[in-house]
Amino acid sequence: MAEVLQSDFSLLGLEEELTCSICLSTFQCPVTIPCGHNFCQDCLLATWRDTYSCPQCRTHFPTKPELKKNTVLSTVVETFNLRMSQISRATSRRPANISCCIVTGFGSGSPVVLQIF
């Protein structure tokens, strides 16, 4: 169980690296531009109306760069999404642990008993 949790925490750290800085979701059809940054193809095309610059580092490109699908990144994102959906299904089947707190006693000078279970 601890091994699974350790793996899950590693995935959460990876999520930021697999997130498009335009739409803030995991990459959908990731493309790489000449400066080396990656974006969802549709997100990038939506930002490139009149000028062509990197939304992240602002590097300007005189002409529209050829967009190349980053197939390795695409495969990593697919694997990540699959694993996250497996984790989601597994955790939704577990009974939820709900902490409950009861405070008894009131009034000035009265001791208060706090029970947490």
PDB file of N, CA and C in Angstrom:
ATOM      1  N   MET A   1       0.823  -1.194   0.000  1.00  0.00           N
ATOM      2  CA  MET A   1       0.000   0.000   0.000  1.00  0.00           C
ATOM      3  C   MET A   1       0.870   1.263   0.000  1.00  0.00           C
ATOM      4  N   ALA A   2       1.911   1.278   0.855  1.00  0.00           N
ATOM      5  CA  ALA A   2       2.793   2.439   0.899  1.00  0.00           C
ATOM      6  C   ALA A   2       3.486   2.644  -0.437  1.00  0.00           C
ATOM      7  N   GLU A   3       3.790   1.547  -1.127  1.00  0.00           N
ATOM      8  CA  GLU A   3       4.440   1.642  -2.429  1.00  0.00           C
ATOM      9  C   GLU A   3       3.517   2.310  -3.441  1.00  0.00           C
ATOM     10  N   VAL A   4       2.241   1.980  -3.390  1.00  0.00           N
ATOM     11  CA  VAL A   4       1.274   2.599  -4.294  1.00  0.00           C
ATOM     12  C   VAL A   4       1.163   4.084  -3.998  1.00  0.00           C
ATOM     13  N   LEU A   5       1.100   4.450  -2.727  1.00  0.00           N
ATOM     14  CA  LEU A   5       0.989   5.859  -2.370  1.00  0.00           C
ATOM     15  C   LEU A   5       2.218   6.640  -2.807  1.00  0.00           C
ATOM     16  N   GLN A   6       3.407   6.066  -2.640  1.00  0.00           N
ATOM     17  CA  GLN A   6       4.637   6.721  -3.080  1.00  0.00           C
ATOM     18  C   GLN A   6       4.586   6.965  -4.585  1.00  0.00           C
ATOM     19  N   SER A   7       4.120   5.970  -5.327  1.00  0.00           N
ATOM     20  CA  SER A   7       3.986   6.087  -6.773  1.00  0.00           C
ATOM     21  C   SER A   7       2.980   7.179  -7.133  1.00  0.00           C
ATOM     22  N   ASP A   8       1.882   7.229  -6.391  1.00  0.00           N
ATOM     23  CA  ASP A   8       0.851   8.233  -6.659  1.00  0.00           C
ATOM     24  C   ASP A   8       1.387   9.643  -6.432  1.00  0.00           C
ATOM     25  N   PHE A   9       2.178   9.840  -5.374  1.00  0.00           N
ATOM     26  CA  PHE A   9       2.752  11.157  -5.118  1.00  0.00           C
ATOM     27  C   PHE A   9       3.721  11.549  -6.226  1.00  0.00           C
ATOM     28  N   SER A  10       4.456  10.589  -6.758  1.00  0.00           N
ATOM     29  CA  SER A  10       5.360  10.867  -7.868  1.00  0.00           C
ATOM     30  C   SER A  10       4.579  11.324  -9.090  1.00  0.00           C
ATOM     31  N   LEU A  11       3.428  10.726  -9.316  1.00  0.00           N
ATOM     32  CA  LEU A  11       2.585  11.131 -10.445  1.00  0.00           C
ATOM     33  C   LEU A  11       2.102  12.560 -10.284  1.00  0.00           C
ATOM     34  N   LEU A  12       1.745  12.941  -9.066  1.00  0.00           N
ATOM     35  CA  LEU A  12       1.264  14.301  -8.838  1.00  0.00           C
ATOM     36  C   LEU A  12       2.357  15.318  -9.146  1.00  0.00           C
ATOM     37  N   GLY A  13       3.604  14.978  -8.843  1.00  0.00           N
ATOM     38  CA  GLY A  13       4.709  15.865  -9.178  1.00  0.00           C
ATOM     39  C   GLY A  13       4.925  15.963 -10.676  1.00  0.00           C
ATOM     40  N   LEU A  14       4.611  14.905 -11.380  1.00  0.00           N
ATOM     41  CA  LEU A  14       4.773  14.870 -12.832  1.00  0.00           C
ATOM     42  C   LEU A  14       3.682  15.671 -13.543  1.00  0.00           C
ATOM     43  N   GLU A  15       2.544  15.812 -12.910  1.00  0.00           N
ATOM     44  CA  GLU A  15       1.404  16.476 -13.552  1.00  0.00           C
ATOM     45  C   GLU A  15       1.745  17.884 -14.028  1.00  0.00           C
ATOM     46  N   GLU A  16       2.504  18.630 -13.239  1.00  0.00           N
ATOM     47  CA  GLU A  16       2.855  19.996 -13.626  1.00  0.00           C
ATOM     48  C   GLU A  16       3.662  20.022 -14.922  1.00  0.00           C
ATOM     49  N   GLU A  17       4.533  19.039 -15.091  1.00  0.00           N
ATOM     50  CA  GLU A  17       5.356  18.969 -16.301  1.00  0.00           C
ATOM     51  C   GLU A  17       4.538  18.584 -17.530  1.00  0.00           C
ATOM     52  N   LEU A  18       3.387  17.985 -17.322  1.00  0.00           N
ATOM     53  CA  LEU A  18       2.540  17.525 -18.424  1.00  0.00           C
ATOM     54  C   LEU A  18       1.360  18.458 -18.665  1.00  0.00           C
ATOM     55  N   THR A  19       1.446  19.666 -18.128  1.00  0.00           N
ATOM     56  CA  THR A  19       0.353  20.629 -18.211  1.00  0.00           C
ATOM     57  C   THR A  19       0.688  21.741 -19.200  1.00  0.00           C
ATOM     58  N   CYS A  20      -0.240  22.014 -20.080  1.00  0.00           N
ATOM     59  CA  CYS A  20      -0.104  23.114 -21.041  1.00  0.00           C
ATOM     60  C   CYS A  20      -0.222  24.434 -20.275  1.00  0.00           C
ATOM     61  N   SER A  21       0.722  25.340 -20.491  1.00  0.00           N
ATOM     62  CA  SER A  21       0.696  26.615 -19.771  1.00  0.00           C
ATOM     63  C   SER A  21      -0.360  27.576 -20.319  1.00  0.00           C
ATOM     64  N   ILE A  22      -1.028  27.201 -21.396  1.00  0.00           N
ATOM     65  CA  ILE A  22      -2.101  28.040 -21.937  1.00  0.00           C
ATOM     66  C   ILE A  22      -3.445  27.640 -21.342  1.00  0.00           C
ATOM     67  N   CYS A  23      -3.816  26.358 -21.458  1.00  0.00           N
ATOM     68  CA  CYS A  23      -5.135  25.906 -20.982  1.00  0.00           C
ATOM     69  C   CYS A  23      -5.095  25.329 -19.572  1.00  0.00           C
ATOM     70  N   LEU A  24      -3.886  25.082 -19.049  1.00  0.00           N
ATOM     71  CA  LEU A  24      -3.683  24.530 -17.704  1.00  0.00           C
ATOM     72  C   LEU A  24      -4.295  23.146 -17.519  1.00  0.00           C
ATOM     73  N   SER A  25      -4.385  22.395 -18.602  1.00  0.00           N
ATOM     74  CA  SER A  25      -4.813  20.992 -18.571  1.00  0.00           C
ATOM     75  C   SER A  25      -3.660  20.149 -19.098  1.00  0.00           C
ATOM     76  N   THR A  26      -3.765  18.830 -18.912  1.00  0.00           N
ATOM     77  CA  THR A  26      -2.717  17.993 -19.488  1.00  0.00           C
ATOM     78  C   THR A  26      -2.757  18.151 -21.008  1.00  0.00           C
ATOM     79  N   PHE A  27      -1.591  18.017 -21.618  1.00  0.00           N
ATOM     80  CA  PHE A  27      -1.466  18.238 -23.056  1.00  0.00           C
ATOM     81  C   PHE A  27      -2.438  17.385 -23.862  1.00  0.00           C
ATOM     82  N   GLN A  28      -3.030  18.012 -24.874  1.00  0.00           N
ATOM     83  CA  GLN A  28      -3.834  17.332 -25.880  1.00  0.00           C
ATOM     84  C   GLN A  28      -3.139  17.595 -27.210  1.00  0.00           C
ATOM     85  N   CYS A  29      -2.647  16.566 -27.848  1.00  0.00           N
ATOM     86  CA  CYS A  29      -1.880  16.691 -29.087  1.00  0.00           C
ATOM     87  C   CYS A  29      -0.735  17.706 -28.905  1.00  0.00           C
ATOM     88  N   PRO A  30       0.233  17.372 -28.023  1.00  0.00           N
ATOM     89  CA  PRO A  30       1.315  18.319 -27.750  1.00  0.00           C
ATOM     90  C   PRO A  30       2.230  18.530 -28.951  1.00  0.00           C
ATOM     91  N   VAL A  31       2.589  19.794 -29.163  1.00  0.00           N
ATOM     92  CA  VAL A  31       3.527  20.159 -30.224  1.00  0.00           C
ATOM     93  C   VAL A  31       4.686  20.930 -29.596  1.00  0.00           C
ATOM     94  N   THR A  32       5.845  20.819 -30.235  1.00  0.00           N
ATOM     95  CA  THR A  32       7.038  21.520 -29.780  1.00  0.00           C
ATOM     96  C   THR A  32       7.358  22.620 -30.779  1.00  0.00           C
ATOM     97  N   ILE A  33       7.687  23.804 -30.266  1.00  0.00           N
ATOM     98  CA  ILE A  33       8.063  24.911 -31.142  1.00  0.00           C
ATOM     99  C   ILE A  33       9.579  25.110 -31.047  1.00  0.00           C
ATOM    100  N   PRO A  34      10.177  25.900 -31.955  1.00  0.00           N
ATOM    101  CA  PRO A  34      11.640  25.992 -32.040  1.00  0.00           C
ATOM    102  C   PRO A  34      12.370  26.352 -30.740  1.00  0.00           C
ATOM    103  N   CYS A  35      11.748  27.078 -29.829  1.00  0.00           N
ATOM    104  CA  CYS A  35      12.428  27.429 -28.573  1.00  0.00           C
ATOM    105  C   CYS A  35      12.448  26.259 -27.598  1.00  0.00           C
ATOM    106  N   GLY A  36      11.730  25.177 -27.936  1.00  0.00           N
ATOM    107  CA  GLY A  36      11.739  23.976 -27.111  1.00  0.00           C
ATOM    108  C   GLY A  36      10.538  23.813 -26.204  1.00  0.00           C
ATOM    109  N   HIS A  37       9.661  24.802 -26.145  1.00  0.00           N
ATOM    110  CA  HIS A  37       8.482  24.686 -25.290  1.00  0.00           C
ATOM    111  C   HIS A  37       7.385  23.883 -25.983  1.00  0.00           C
ATOM    112  N   ASN A  38       6.532  23.288 -25.169  1.00  0.00           N
ATOM    113  CA  ASN A  38       5.445  22.438 -25.663  1.00  0.00           C
ATOM    114  C   ASN A  38       4.099  23.024 -25.265  1.00  0.00           C
ATOM    115  N   PHE A  39       3.124  22.856 -26.147  1.00  0.00           N
ATOM    116  CA  PHE A  39       1.763  23.327 -25.908  1.00  0.00           C
ATOM    117  C   PHE A  39       0.801  22.384 -26.609  1.00  0.00           C
ATOM    118  N   CYS A  40      -0.474  22.445 -26.221  1.00  0.00           N
ATOM    119  CA  CYS A  40      -1.500  21.750 -27.002  1.00  0.00           C
ATOM    120  C   CYS A  40      -1.531  22.433 -28.368  1.00  0.00           C
ATOM    121  N   GLN A  41      -1.681  21.671 -29.413  1.00  0.00           N
ATOM    122  CA  GLN A  41      -1.689  22.251 -30.754  1.00  0.00           C
ATOM    123  C   GLN A  41      -2.792  23.295 -30.892  1.00  0.00           C
ATOM    124  N   ASP A  42      -4.011  22.964 -30.470  1.00  0.00           N
ATOM    125  CA  ASP A  42      -5.124  23.907 -30.606  1.00  0.00           C
ATOM    126  C   ASP A  42      -4.913  25.171 -29.779  1.00  0.00           C
ATOM    127  N   CYS A  43      -4.343  25.026 -28.582  1.00  0.00           N
ATOM    128  CA  CYS A  43      -4.080  26.195 -27.729  1.00  0.00           C
ATOM    129  C   CYS A  43      -3.099  27.139 -28.409  1.00  0.00           C
ATOM    130  N   LEU A  44      -2.030  26.573 -28.941  1.00  0.00           N
ATOM    131  CA  LEU A  44      -1.004  27.391 -29.581  1.00  0.00           C
ATOM    132  C   LEU A  44      -1.553  28.096 -30.814  1.00  0.00           C
ATOM    133  N   LEU A  45      -2.276  27.367 -31.643  1.00  0.00           N
ATOM    134  CA  LEU A  45      -2.839  27.979 -32.854  1.00  0.00           C
ATOM    135  C   LEU A  45      -3.814  29.096 -32.509  1.00  0.00           C
ATOM    136  N   ALA A  46      -4.530  28.955 -31.405  1.00  0.00           N
ATOM    137  CA  ALA A  46      -5.472  30.000 -30.987  1.00  0.00           C
ATOM    138  C   ALA A  46      -4.742  31.276 -30.562  1.00  0.00           C
ATOM    139  N   THR A  47      -3.515  31.142 -30.059  1.00  0.00           N
ATOM    140  CA  THR A  47      -2.762  32.339 -29.646  1.00  0.00           C
ATOM    141  C   THR A  47      -2.013  32.974 -30.811  1.00  0.00           C
ATOM    142  N   TRP A  48      -1.806  32.228 -31.874  1.00  0.00           N
ATOM    143  CA  TRP A  48      -1.059  32.729 -33.017  1.00  0.00           C
ATOM    144  C   TRP A  48      -2.003  33.280 -34.076  1.00  0.00           C
ATOM    145  N   ARG A  49      -2.493  34.461 -33.883  1.00  0.00           N
ATOM    146  CA  ARG A  49      -3.381  35.065 -34.881  1.00  0.00           C
ATOM    147  C   ARG A  49      -2.586  35.962 -35.841  1.00  0.00           C
ATOM    148  N   ASP A  50      -1.902  36.956 -35.298  1.00  0.00           N
ATOM    149  CA  ASP A  50      -1.161  37.901 -36.137  1.00  0.00           C
ATOM    150  C   ASP A  50       0.350  37.738 -36.026  1.00  0.00           C
ATOM    151  N   THR A  51       0.829  37.474 -34.829  1.00  0.00           N
ATOM    152  CA  THR A  51       2.265  37.325 -34.619  1.00  0.00           C
ATOM    153  C   THR A  51       2.554  35.940 -34.066  1.00  0.00           C
ATOM    154  N   TYR A  52       3.782  35.526 -34.236  1.00  0.00           N
ATOM    155  CA  TYR A  52       4.186  34.190 -33.813  1.00  0.00           C
ATOM    156  C   TYR A  52       5.273  34.306 -32.745  1.00  0.00           C
ATOM    157  N   SER A  53       4.873  34.114 -31.512  1.00  0.00           N
ATOM    158  CA  SER A  53       5.840  34.119 -30.415  1.00  0.00           C
ATOM    159  C   SER A  53       5.449  33.044 -29.414  1.00  0.00           C
ATOM    160  N   CYS A  54       6.433  32.631 -28.639  1.00  0.00           N
ATOM    161  CA  CYS A  54       6.201  31.597 -27.636  1.00  0.00           C
ATOM    162  C   CYS A  54       5.417  32.201 -26.472  1.00  0.00           C
ATOM    163  N   PRO A  55       4.286  31.618 -26.113  1.00  0.00           N
ATOM    164  CA  PRO A  55       3.508  32.135 -24.988  1.00  0.00           C
ATOM    165  C   PRO A  55       4.241  32.027 -23.649  1.00  0.00           C
ATOM    166  N   GLN A  56       5.281  31.210 -23.596  1.00  0.00           N
ATOM    167  CA  GLN A  56       5.977  31.011 -22.325  1.00  0.00           C
ATOM    168  C   GLN A  56       7.210  31.911 -22.198  1.00  0.00           C
ATOM    169  N   CYS A  57       8.105  31.869 -23.164  1.00  0.00           N
ATOM    170  CA  CYS A  57       9.348  32.656 -23.060  1.00  0.00           C
ATOM    171  C   CYS A  57       9.324  33.915 -23.934  1.00  0.00           C
ATOM    172  N   ARG A  58       8.287  34.076 -24.732  1.00  0.00           N
ATOM    173  CA  ARG A  58       8.087  35.246 -25.600  1.00  0.00           C
ATOM    174  C   ARG A  58       9.079  35.350 -26.760  1.00  0.00           C
ATOM    175  N   THR A  59       9.784  34.275 -27.062  1.00  0.00           N
ATOM    176  CA  THR A  59      10.665  34.281 -28.235  1.00  0.00           C
ATOM    177  C   THR A  59       9.807  34.536 -29.470  1.00  0.00           C
ATOM    178  N   HIS A  60      10.230  35.498 -30.280  1.00  0.00           N
ATOM    179  CA  HIS A  60       9.472  35.863 -31.483  1.00  0.00           C
ATOM    180  C   HIS A  60      10.020  35.088 -32.684  1.00  0.00           C
ATOM    181  N   PHE A  61       9.100  34.593 -33.497  1.00  0.00           N
ATOM    182  CA  PHE A  61       9.462  33.886 -34.726  1.00  0.00           C
ATOM    183  C   PHE A  61       8.970  34.728 -35.900  1.00  0.00           C
ATOM    184  N   PRO A  62       9.856  35.070 -36.854  1.00  0.00           N
ATOM    185  CA  PRO A  62       9.458  35.941 -37.963  1.00  0.00           C
ATOM    186  C   PRO A  62       8.386  35.325 -38.860  1.00  0.00           C
ATOM    187  N   THR A  63       8.414  34.013 -39.009  1.00  0.00           N
ATOM    188  CA  THR A  63       7.380  33.327 -39.785  1.00  0.00           C
ATOM    189  C   THR A  63       6.775  32.233 -38.914  1.00  0.00           C
ATOM    190  N   LYS A  64       5.627  31.764 -39.317  1.00  0.00           N
ATOM    191  CA  LYS A  64       4.954  30.728 -38.537  1.00  0.00           C
ATOM    192  C   LYS A  64       5.793  29.451 -38.553  1.00  0.00           C
ATOM    193  N   PRO A  65       6.246  29.010 -37.369  1.00  0.00           N
ATOM    194  CA  PRO A  65       7.046  27.783 -37.323  1.00  0.00           C
ATOM    195  C   PRO A  65       6.208  26.556 -37.655  1.00  0.00           C
ATOM    196  N   GLU A  66       6.880  25.565 -38.207  1.00  0.00           N
ATOM    197  CA  GLU A  66       6.213  24.289 -38.460  1.00  0.00           C
ATOM    198  C   GLU A  66       6.018  23.596 -37.116  1.00  0.00           C
ATOM    199  N   LEU A  67       4.791  23.191 -36.857  1.00  0.00           N
ATOM    200  CA  LEU A  67       4.492  22.514 -35.597  1.00  0.00           C
ATOM    201  C   LEU A  67       4.691  21.021 -35.770  1.00  0.00           C
ATOM    202  N   LYS A  68       5.461  20.450 -34.871  1.00  0.00           N
ATOM    203  CA  LYS A  68       5.712  19.015 -34.923  1.00  0.00           C
ATOM    204  C   LYS A  68       5.133  18.381 -33.675  1.00  0.00           C
ATOM    205  N   LYS A  69       4.327  17.345 -33.886  1.00  0.00           N
ATOM    206  CA  LYS A  69       3.753  16.640 -32.747  1.00  0.00           C
ATOM    207  C   LYS A  69       4.877  15.994 -31.949  1.00  0.00           C
ATOM    208  N   ASN A  70       4.843  16.188 -30.643  1.00  0.00           N
ATOM    209  CA  ASN A  70       5.822  15.571 -29.757  1.00  0.00           C
ATOM    210  C   ASN A  70       5.264  14.211 -29.358  1.00  0.00           C
ATOM    211  N   THR A  71       5.639  13.184 -30.115  1.00  0.00           N
ATOM    212  CA  THR A  71       5.058  11.853 -29.915  1.00  0.00           C
ATOM    213  C   THR A  71       5.463  11.230 -28.586  1.00  0.00           C
ATOM    214  N   VAL A  72       6.679  11.486 -28.135  1.00  0.00           N
ATOM    215  CA  VAL A  72       7.115  10.939 -26.843  1.00  0.00           C
ATOM    216  C   VAL A  72       6.292  11.561 -25.721  1.00  0.00           C
ATOM    217  N   LEU A  73       6.153  12.876 -25.745  1.00  0.00           N
ATOM    218  CA  LEU A  73       5.359  13.561 -24.723  1.00  0.00           C
ATOM    219  C   LEU A  73       3.906  13.107 -24.777  1.00  0.00           C
ATOM    220  N   SER A  74       3.390  12.915 -25.969  1.00  0.00           N
ATOM    221  CA  SER A  74       2.019  12.447 -26.136  1.00  0.00           C
ATOM    222  C   SER A  74       1.816  11.086 -25.480  1.00  0.00           C
ATOM    223  N   THR A  75       2.775  10.186 -25.657  1.00  0.00           N
ATOM    224  CA  THR A  75       2.700   8.854 -25.047  1.00  0.00           C
ATOM    225  C   THR A  75       2.779   8.946 -23.524  1.00  0.00           C
ATOM    226  N   VAL A  76       3.658   9.793 -23.014  1.00  0.00           N
ATOM    227  CA  VAL A  76       3.778   9.977 -21.561  1.00  0.00           C
ATOM    228  C   VAL A  76       2.469  10.523 -20.990  1.00  0.00           C
ATOM    229  N   VAL A  77       1.858  11.481 -21.668  1.00  0.00           N
ATOM    230  CA  VAL A  77       0.587  12.053 -21.207  1.00  0.00           C
ATOM    231  C   VAL A  77      -0.507  10.986 -21.204  1.00  0.00           C
ATOM    232  N   GLU A  78      -0.573  10.180 -22.252  1.00  0.00           N
ATOM    233  CA  GLU A  78      -1.580   9.109 -22.309  1.00  0.00           C
ATOM    234  C   GLU A  78      -1.400   8.131 -21.151  1.00  0.00           C
ATOM    235  N   THR A  79      -0.160   7.749 -20.876  1.00  0.00           N
ATOM    236  CA  THR A  79       0.128   6.835 -19.768  1.00  0.00           C
ATOM    237  C   THR A  79      -0.245   7.477 -18.436  1.00  0.00           C
ATOM    238  N   PHE A  80       0.098   8.742 -18.270  1.00  0.00           N
ATOM    239  CA  PHE A  80      -0.235   9.485 -17.051  1.00  0.00           C
ATOM    240  C   PHE A  80      -1.748   9.535 -16.852  1.00  0.00           C
ATOM    241  N   ASN A  81      -2.486   9.902 -17.897  1.00  0.00           N
ATOM    242  CA  ASN A  81      -3.948   9.999 -17.790  1.00  0.00           C
ATOM    243  C   ASN A  81      -4.578   8.652 -17.464  1.00  0.00           C
ATOM    244  N   LEU A  82      -4.058   7.592 -18.058  1.00  0.00           N
ATOM    245  CA  LEU A  82      -4.558   6.248 -17.775  1.00  0.00           C
ATOM    246  C   LEU A  82      -4.338   5.897 -16.309  1.00  0.00           C
ATOM    247  N   ARG A  83      -3.141   6.142 -15.806  1.00  0.00           N
ATOM    248  CA  ARG A  83      -2.829   5.822 -14.406  1.00  0.00           C
ATOM    249  C   ARG A  83      -3.667   6.672 -13.451  1.00  0.00           C
ATOM    250  N   MET A  84      -3.848   7.939 -13.754  1.00  0.00           N
ATOM    251  CA  MET A  84      -4.651   8.808 -12.888  1.00  0.00           C
ATOM    252  C   MET A  84      -6.107   8.347 -12.859  1.00  0.00           C
ATOM    253  N   SER A  85      -6.638   7.870 -13.979  1.00  0.00           N
ATOM    254  CA  SER A  85      -8.021   7.373 -13.983  1.00  0.00           C
ATOM    255  C   SER A  85      -8.122   6.076 -13.193  1.00  0.00           C
ATOM    256  N   GLN A  86      -7.077   5.235 -13.237  1.00  0.00           N
ATOM    257  CA  GLN A  86      -7.062   4.013 -12.427  1.00  0.00           C
ATOM    258  C   GLN A  86      -7.050   4.360 -10.940  1.00  0.00           C
ATOM    259  N   ILE A  87      -6.251   5.333 -10.565  1.00  0.00           N
ATOM    260  CA  ILE A  87      -6.187   5.765  -9.166  1.00  0.00           C
ATOM    261  C   ILE A  87      -7.533   6.324  -8.735  1.00  0.00           C
ATOM    262  N   SER A  88      -8.145   7.115  -9.603  1.00  0.00           N
ATOM    263  CA  SER A  88      -9.445   7.706  -9.287  1.00  0.00           C
ATOM    264  C   SER A  88     -10.500   6.630  -9.060  1.00  0.00           C
ATOM    265  N   ARG A  89     -10.523   5.615  -9.928  1.00  0.00           N
ATOM    266  CA  ARG A  89     -11.489   4.520  -9.761  1.00  0.00           C
ATOM    267  C   ARG A  89     -11.220   3.743  -8.482  1.00  0.00           C
ATOM    268  N   ALA A  90      -9.958   3.497  -8.180  1.00  0.00           N
ATOM    269  CA  ALA A  90      -9.600   2.724  -6.981  1.00  0.00           C
ATOM    270  C   ALA A  90      -9.968   3.474  -5.710  1.00  0.00           C
ATOM    271  N   THR A  91      -9.745   4.772  -5.702  1.00  0.00           N
ATOM    272  CA  THR A  91     -10.053   5.534  -4.488  1.00  0.00           C
ATOM    273  C   THR A  91     -11.541   5.778  -4.341  1.00  0.00           C
ATOM    274  N   SER A  92     -12.285   5.785  -5.430  1.00  0.00           N
ATOM    275  CA  SER A  92     -13.734   6.005  -5.320  1.00  0.00           C
ATOM    276  C   SER A  92     -14.439   4.769  -4.774  1.00  0.00           C
ATOM    277  N   ARG A  93     -13.795   3.596  -4.838  1.00  0.00           N
ATOM    278  CA  ARG A  93     -14.394   2.368  -4.312  1.00  0.00           C
ATOM    279  C   ARG A  93     -14.122   2.192  -2.824  1.00  0.00           C
ATOM    280  N   ARG A  94     -13.157   2.912  -2.290  1.00  0.00           N
ATOM    281  CA  ARG A  94     -12.831   2.800  -0.873  1.00  0.00           C
ATOM    282  C   ARG A  94     -13.848   3.577  -0.048  1.00  0.00           C
ATOM    283  N   PRO A  95     -14.207   3.030   1.123  1.00  0.00           N
ATOM    284  CA  PRO A  95     -15.092   3.807   1.989  1.00  0.00           C
ATOM    285  C   PRO A  95     -14.354   5.051   2.479  1.00  0.00           C
ATOM    286  N   ALA A  96     -15.073   6.121   2.561  1.00  0.00           N
ATOM    287  CA  ALA A  96     -14.469   7.374   2.992  1.00  0.00           C
ATOM    288  C   ALA A  96     -14.292   7.381   4.503  1.00  0.00           C
ATOM    289  N   ASN A  97     -13.175   7.890   4.957  1.00  0.00           N
ATOM    290  CA  ASN A  97     -12.952   8.089   6.381  1.00  0.00           C
ATOM    291  C   ASN A  97     -13.348   9.512   6.719  1.00  0.00           C
ATOM    292  N   ILE A  98     -14.271   9.638   7.616  1.00  0.00           N
ATOM    293  CA  ILE A  98     -14.750  10.958   7.997  1.00  0.00           C
ATOM    294  C   ILE A  98     -14.411  11.181   9.463  1.00  0.00           C
ATOM    295  N   SER A  99     -13.684  12.239   9.736  1.00  0.00           N
ATOM    296  CA  SER A  99     -13.364  12.572  11.115  1.00  0.00           C
ATOM    297  C   SER A  99     -14.555  13.285  11.731  1.00  0.00           C
ATOM    298  N   CYS A 100     -14.804  12.976  12.973  1.00  0.00           N
ATOM    299  CA  CYS A 100     -15.932  13.577  13.665  1.00  0.00           C
ATOM    300  C   CYS A 100     -15.429  14.159  14.977  1.00  0.00           C
ATOM    301  N   CYS A 101     -15.923  15.285  15.331  1.00  0.00           N
ATOM    302  CA  CYS A 101     -15.504  15.960  16.546  1.00  0.00           C
ATOM    303  C   CYS A 101     -16.753  16.332  17.346  1.00  0.00           C
ATOM    304  N   ILE A 102     -16.770  15.957  18.628  1.00  0.00           N
ATOM    305  CA  ILE A 102     -17.905  16.291  19.494  1.00  0.00           C
ATOM    306  C   ILE A 102     -17.367  17.074  20.680  1.00  0.00           C
ATOM    307  N   VAL A 103     -17.955  18.205  20.944  1.00  0.00           N
ATOM    308  CA  VAL A 103     -17.580  19.012  22.102  1.00  0.00           C
ATOM    309  C   VAL A 103     -18.720  18.932  23.101  1.00  0.00           C
ATOM    310  N   THR A 104     -18.397  18.546  24.339  1.00  0.00           N
ATOM    311  CA  THR A 104     -19.427  18.484  25.378  1.00  0.00           C
ATOM    312  C   THR A 104     -19.035  19.402  26.518  1.00  0.00           C
ATOM    313  N   GLY A 105     -20.028  19.935  27.185  1.00  0.00           N
ATOM    314  CA  GLY A 105     -19.798  20.845  28.300  1.00  0.00           C
ATOM    315  C   GLY A 105     -19.725  22.271  27.812  1.00  0.00           C
ATOM    316  N   PHE A 106     -20.255  23.166  28.595  1.00  0.00           N
ATOM    317  CA  PHE A 106     -20.196  24.572  28.229  1.00  0.00           C
ATOM    318  C   PHE A 106     -20.366  25.398  29.493  1.00  0.00           C
ATOM    319  N   GLY A 107     -20.194  26.658  29.377  1.00  0.00           N
ATOM    320  CA  GLY A 107     -20.350  27.570  30.505  1.00  0.00           C
ATOM    321  C   GLY A 107     -19.003  27.936  31.089  1.00  0.00           C
ATOM    322  N   SER A 108     -18.983  29.042  31.784  1.00  0.00           N
ATOM    323  CA  SER A 108     -17.711  29.499  32.340  1.00  0.00           C
ATOM    324  C   SER A 108     -17.305  28.602  33.499  1.00  0.00           C
ATOM    325  N   GLY A 109     -16.062  28.270  33.514  1.00  0.00           N
ATOM    326  CA  GLY A 109     -15.525  27.434  34.572  1.00  0.00           C
ATOM    327  C   GLY A 109     -15.759  25.954  34.379  1.00  0.00           C
ATOM    328  N   SER A 110     -16.582  25.567  33.401  1.00  0.00           N
ATOM    329  CA  SER A 110     -16.836  24.145  33.169  1.00  0.00           C
ATOM    330  C   SER A 110     -15.761  23.575  32.267  1.00  0.00           C
ATOM    331  N   PRO A 111     -15.288  22.382  32.588  1.00  0.00           N
ATOM    332  CA  PRO A 111     -14.333  21.756  31.673  1.00  0.00           C
ATOM    333  C   PRO A 111     -15.028  21.356  30.377  1.00  0.00           C
ATOM    334  N   VAL A 112     -14.311  21.419  29.296  1.00  0.00           N
ATOM    335  CA  VAL A 112     -14.838  21.043  27.988  1.00  0.00           C
ATOM    336  C   VAL A 112     -14.133  19.763  27.557  1.00  0.00           C
ATOM    337  N   VAL A 113     -14.902  18.800  27.129  1.00  0.00           N
ATOM    338  CA  VAL A 113     -14.354  17.538  26.650  1.00  0.00           C
ATOM    339  C   VAL A 113     -14.441  17.534  25.134  1.00  0.00           C
ATOM    340  N   LEU A 114     -13.335  17.297  24.494  1.00  0.00           N
ATOM    341  CA  LEU A 114     -13.276  17.250  23.033  1.00  0.00           C
ATOM    342  C   LEU A 114     -12.946  15.826  22.634  1.00  0.00           C
ATOM    343  N   GLN A 115     -13.827  15.218  21.876  1.00  0.00           N
ATOM    344  CA  GLN A 115     -13.611  13.851  21.416  1.00  0.00           C
ATOM    345  C   GLN A 115     -13.437  13.867  19.900  1.00  0.00           C
ATOM    346  N   ILE A 116     -12.351  13.300  19.454  1.00  0.00           N
ATOM    347  CA  ILE A 116     -12.107  13.198  18.010  1.00  0.00           C
ATOM    348  C   ILE A 116     -11.964  11.727  17.674  1.00  0.00           C
ATOM    349  N   PHE A 117     -12.734  11.279  16.704  1.00  0.00           N
ATOM    350  CA  PHE A 117     -12.645   9.880  16.271  1.00  0.00           C
ATOM    351  C   PHE A 117     -12.895   9.778  14.801  1.00  0.00           C
TER     352      PHE A 117
END
